[in-house]
Every structure is written in structure tokens, then in C-alpha cells.
Amino acid sequence: MGNMLGVMATRDAQRMAEERGLDLVEITPNAVPPVCKIMDYGKFKYEESIKAKQARKSQKVQKVKEIKFHPGTDTNDFDYKLKQIRGFIGEGCKVKLTLQYRGRENAHRELGEDVINRVLEALKDECFVEQAPKTLGRVLGALIGPPRKNGPKPAAPREPGAPGAIRISVS
């Protein structure tokens, strides 16, 4: 078992699967030609569900911490909150920065924007800005997270094949 049978017509592959009492399962439909396997489909689905269950168990839940600011946040408070943000990012958490305007602070929104921009400037080398500062009503918010380690992966080159043909293996 596990033999590569090569590229063949779909009808031939279906006939071979029926002779063995198995199913013809399309594994990668986007490849050219598509890759198929002759296997027991029920067993395949069961194994996939077990893999999905294990993946859910072992995945890490991303925590989001929130740090609140006000336009009048003083230097010591600002430095303390920066220290907290650095600690959260060091733990791998995302941090939601919120700045709430109260009363007459609403008339001077640029003061609040300056506070959030100071935070982002101070942390520009230590974090990744996931959501730029955005105002929703009386709240100015931004979302930052740990720096990204790897960029998007390049797509694998595709192999050309004859139309109506598929690559097949037996497992």
C-alpha cells in the first residue's frame, strides 16, 4: 500500500477503487492535476476528526489585555502603563489601548490622539500594530500585539497536467 500509481484518467481511477472495494478521495483539488487517493473514506474522516480534536486541544488561546488612558495621563502614570504593556506583550498577549474622553476633553481630541501616538512611538520596535487608532464615539482605541516572527509563505509552484487527468496513490 502507499504506492504512487501516477497520472491517469478519472474513470480508470474510479474503476480501480471499485474493484478494491474502496473510495476515490480527492486530497488536493487545487493542484494541477488534482491529487487523489484510493482509501476507505469513513476511516479517513474518522482520522481527520481525531486530528482536528488534537489541534483544538493544543492551540494557544490569544489573550487580550486592556490598558486605559485619559488625555491628562501624567508622566509617571504613562511610564507605569508602558511598563505594564511591555510585560503583557512579553507574555505573548495582545493589548487593547483605550482612551476615553470625559466632559470637555471631547473638545480637544488631539490631546488624546497625542497620548496614544506617544505609546505607539515608544513601543514601535517591541510590538506590531494590529489595529491603528480609531475613534468610536467617546473612545479612541488601538490594538497592538507581539511582533510577528514570520511573514506570509510563498505559494508552491504548480505542476502542469493534462485536463481530465488526476495524480493518484493507494493507501
Protein backbone atom coordinates (compact mmCIF):
# COMPACT_ATOMS: atom_id res chain seq x y z
CA MET A 1 0.00 0.00 0.00
CA GLY A 2 1.01 3.65 -0.35
CA ASN A 3 2.07 3.14 -4.00
CA MET A 4 2.05 6.02 -6.44
CA LEU A 5 0.09 4.96 -9.49
CA GLY A 6 0.90 8.10 -11.49
CA VAL A 7 -1.32 10.29 -13.64
CA MET A 8 -4.40 8.58 -15.08
CA ALA A 9 -7.92 9.27 -16.25
CA THR A 10 -10.58 9.78 -13.59
CA ARG A 11 -12.75 6.92 -14.90
CA ASP A 12 -9.85 4.46 -14.65
CA ALA A 13 -9.12 5.54 -11.09
CA GLN A 14 -12.79 5.13 -10.10
CA ARG A 15 -12.86 1.65 -11.64
CA MET A 16 -9.71 0.66 -9.71
CA ALA A 17 -11.26 1.90 -6.46
CA GLU A 18 -14.48 -0.07 -7.04
CA GLU A 19 -12.50 -3.26 -7.77
CA ARG A 20 -10.79 -2.95 -4.37
CA GLY A 21 -13.99 -2.04 -2.52
CA LEU A 22 -12.58 1.38 -1.55
CA ASP A 23 -13.33 5.03 -2.35
CA LEU A 24 -11.55 7.51 -4.62
CA VAL A 25 -10.88 10.56 -2.44
CA GLU A 26 -9.69 13.92 -3.78
CA ILE A 27 -6.89 15.10 -1.47
CA THR A 28 -5.71 18.38 -3.07
CA PRO A 29 -8.26 19.72 -5.56
CA ASN A 30 -6.30 22.90 -6.41
CA ALA A 31 -3.23 21.06 -7.75
CA VAL A 32 -2.87 20.55 -11.48
CA PRO A 33 -3.70 17.69 -11.97
CA PRO A 34 -5.70 17.11 -8.75
CA VAL A 35 -4.24 14.57 -6.31
CA CYS A 36 -6.48 11.65 -5.31
CA LYS A 37 -6.12 8.54 -3.15
CA ILE A 38 -7.84 5.21 -3.15
CA MET A 39 -8.81 4.66 0.50
CA ASP A 40 -11.58 3.89 2.96
CA TYR A 41 -13.35 7.25 3.21
CA GLY A 42 -15.04 6.51 6.55
CA LYS A 43 -11.69 5.71 8.14
CA PHE A 44 -10.20 8.87 6.58
CA LYS A 45 -12.98 11.09 8.03
CA TYR A 46 -12.55 9.49 11.47
CA GLU A 47 -8.78 10.13 11.45
CA GLU A 48 -9.35 13.74 10.30
CA SER A 49 -11.78 14.34 13.18
CA ILE A 50 -9.21 12.96 15.66
CA LYS A 51 -6.52 15.29 14.21
CA ALA A 52 -8.88 18.29 14.43
CA LYS A 53 -9.69 17.45 18.05
CA GLN A 54 -5.98 17.26 18.92
CA ALA A 55 -5.35 20.59 17.15
CA ARG A 56 -8.11 22.28 19.19
CA LYS A 57 -6.63 20.87 22.40
CA SER A 58 -3.11 22.07 21.70
CA GLN A 59 -3.86 25.53 20.29
CA LYS A 60 -2.95 28.56 22.34
CA VAL A 61 -5.74 30.99 23.16
CA GLN A 62 -4.72 34.59 22.48
CA LYS A 63 -5.45 36.82 25.47
CA VAL A 64 -6.32 40.49 25.04
CA LYS A 65 -5.44 42.84 27.89
CA GLU A 66 -6.78 46.38 28.10
CA ILE A 67 -4.91 49.46 29.28
CA LYS A 68 -6.96 52.65 29.73
CA PHE A 69 -5.64 56.16 29.27
CA HIS A 70 -7.11 59.66 29.59
CA PRO A 71 -5.93 62.80 27.79
CA GLY A 72 -4.47 64.11 31.04
CA THR A 73 -2.41 60.98 31.85
CA ASP A 74 0.69 62.26 33.63
CA THR A 75 4.31 61.16 33.02
CA ASN A 76 4.63 58.69 35.90
CA ASP A 77 1.28 57.05 35.13
CA PHE A 78 2.23 56.93 31.46
CA ASP A 79 5.59 55.24 32.24
CA TYR A 80 3.92 52.72 34.58
CA LYS A 81 1.34 51.81 31.92
CA LEU A 82 4.12 51.42 29.32
CA LYS A 83 5.85 49.01 31.71
CA GLN A 84 2.61 47.02 32.05
CA ILE A 85 2.14 46.92 28.26
CA ARG A 86 5.71 45.66 27.78
CA GLY A 87 5.03 42.90 30.32
CA PHE A 88 1.82 41.82 28.57
CA ILE A 89 3.49 41.80 25.15
CA GLY A 90 6.39 39.81 26.63
CA GLU A 91 3.85 37.18 27.77
CA GLY A 92 2.50 37.00 24.19
CA CYS A 93 -0.77 38.83 24.89
CA LYS A 94 -2.39 41.41 22.67
CA VAL A 95 -3.03 44.79 24.29
CA LYS A 96 -6.04 47.00 23.60
CA LEU A 97 -5.25 50.65 24.21
CA THR A 98 -8.33 52.70 25.04
CA LEU A 99 -8.58 56.39 25.73
CA GLN A 100 -11.92 57.70 26.95
CA TYR A 101 -12.89 61.36 26.65
CA ARG A 102 -14.92 62.82 29.53
CA GLY A 103 -16.80 66.10 29.54
CA ARG A 104 -14.82 68.95 27.98
CA GLU A 105 -11.99 66.62 26.96
CA ASN A 106 -14.18 65.89 23.94
CA ALA A 107 -13.44 69.37 22.60
CA HIS A 108 -9.69 68.65 22.49
CA ARG A 109 -9.48 65.22 20.90
CA GLU A 110 -5.96 65.93 19.61
CA LEU A 111 -4.65 65.65 23.20
CA GLY A 112 -5.93 62.07 23.41
CA GLU A 113 -4.55 61.20 20.00
CA ASP A 114 -1.16 62.52 21.13
CA VAL A 115 -1.19 60.18 24.15
CA ILE A 116 -1.95 57.09 22.04
CA ASN A 117 0.62 58.13 19.43
CA ARG A 118 3.24 58.54 22.21
CA VAL A 119 2.51 54.97 23.35
CA LEU A 120 2.81 53.61 19.82
CA GLU A 121 6.01 55.58 19.24
CA ALA A 122 7.56 54.30 22.49
CA LEU A 123 6.70 50.68 21.59
CA LYS A 124 7.28 50.76 17.82
CA ASP A 125 10.24 48.32 17.97
CA GLU A 126 8.65 45.98 20.54
CA CYS A 127 5.18 45.39 19.10
CA PHE A 128 3.08 45.09 15.98
CA VAL A 129 0.13 47.48 15.49
CA GLU A 130 -2.80 45.24 14.59
CA GLN A 131 -5.42 48.00 14.55
CA ALA A 132 -4.49 51.63 14.08
CA PRO A 133 -6.00 54.21 16.46
CA LYS A 134 -9.69 54.66 15.66
CA THR A 135 -12.37 56.77 17.34
CA LEU A 136 -15.71 55.18 18.19
CA GLY A 137 -17.91 57.74 19.93
CA ARG A 138 -16.13 58.96 23.06
CA VAL A 139 -13.47 56.24 22.93
CA LEU A 140 -10.22 56.21 20.97
CA GLY A 141 -8.90 52.66 20.63
CA ALA A 142 -5.97 50.77 19.14
CA LEU A 143 -4.83 47.15 19.27
CA ILE A 144 -1.20 46.05 19.47
CA GLY A 145 0.36 42.63 19.73
CA PRO A 146 3.69 40.85 19.95
CA PRO A 147 5.99 41.30 16.95
CA ARG A 148 5.37 38.93 14.06
CA LYS A 149 8.08 36.29 13.67
CA ASN A 150 7.41 35.11 10.12
CA GLY A 151 5.81 36.70 7.09
CA PRO A 152 3.42 35.12 4.60
CA LYS A 153 4.67 31.94 2.97
CA PRO A 154 5.10 31.95 -0.81
CA ALA A 155 2.78 29.71 -2.80
CA ALA A 156 4.26 26.45 -4.09
CA PRO A 157 4.66 26.17 -7.87
CA ARG A 158 2.05 24.02 -9.60
CA GLU A 159 2.73 21.11 -11.87
CA PRO A 160 1.04 21.25 -15.28
CA GLY A 161 -1.01 18.24 -16.35
CA ALA A 162 -3.50 17.02 -18.91
CA PRO A 163 -7.14 18.11 -18.41
CA GLY A 164 -9.35 15.32 -17.03
CA ALA A 165 -6.35 13.52 -15.54
CA ILE A 166 -5.51 13.12 -11.86
CA ARG A 167 -2.49 12.04 -9.84
CA ILE A 168 -3.35 9.01 -7.76
CA SER A 169 -1.85 6.90 -4.98
CA VAL A 170 -3.14 3.96 -2.98
CA SER A 171 -3.02 3.84 0.81
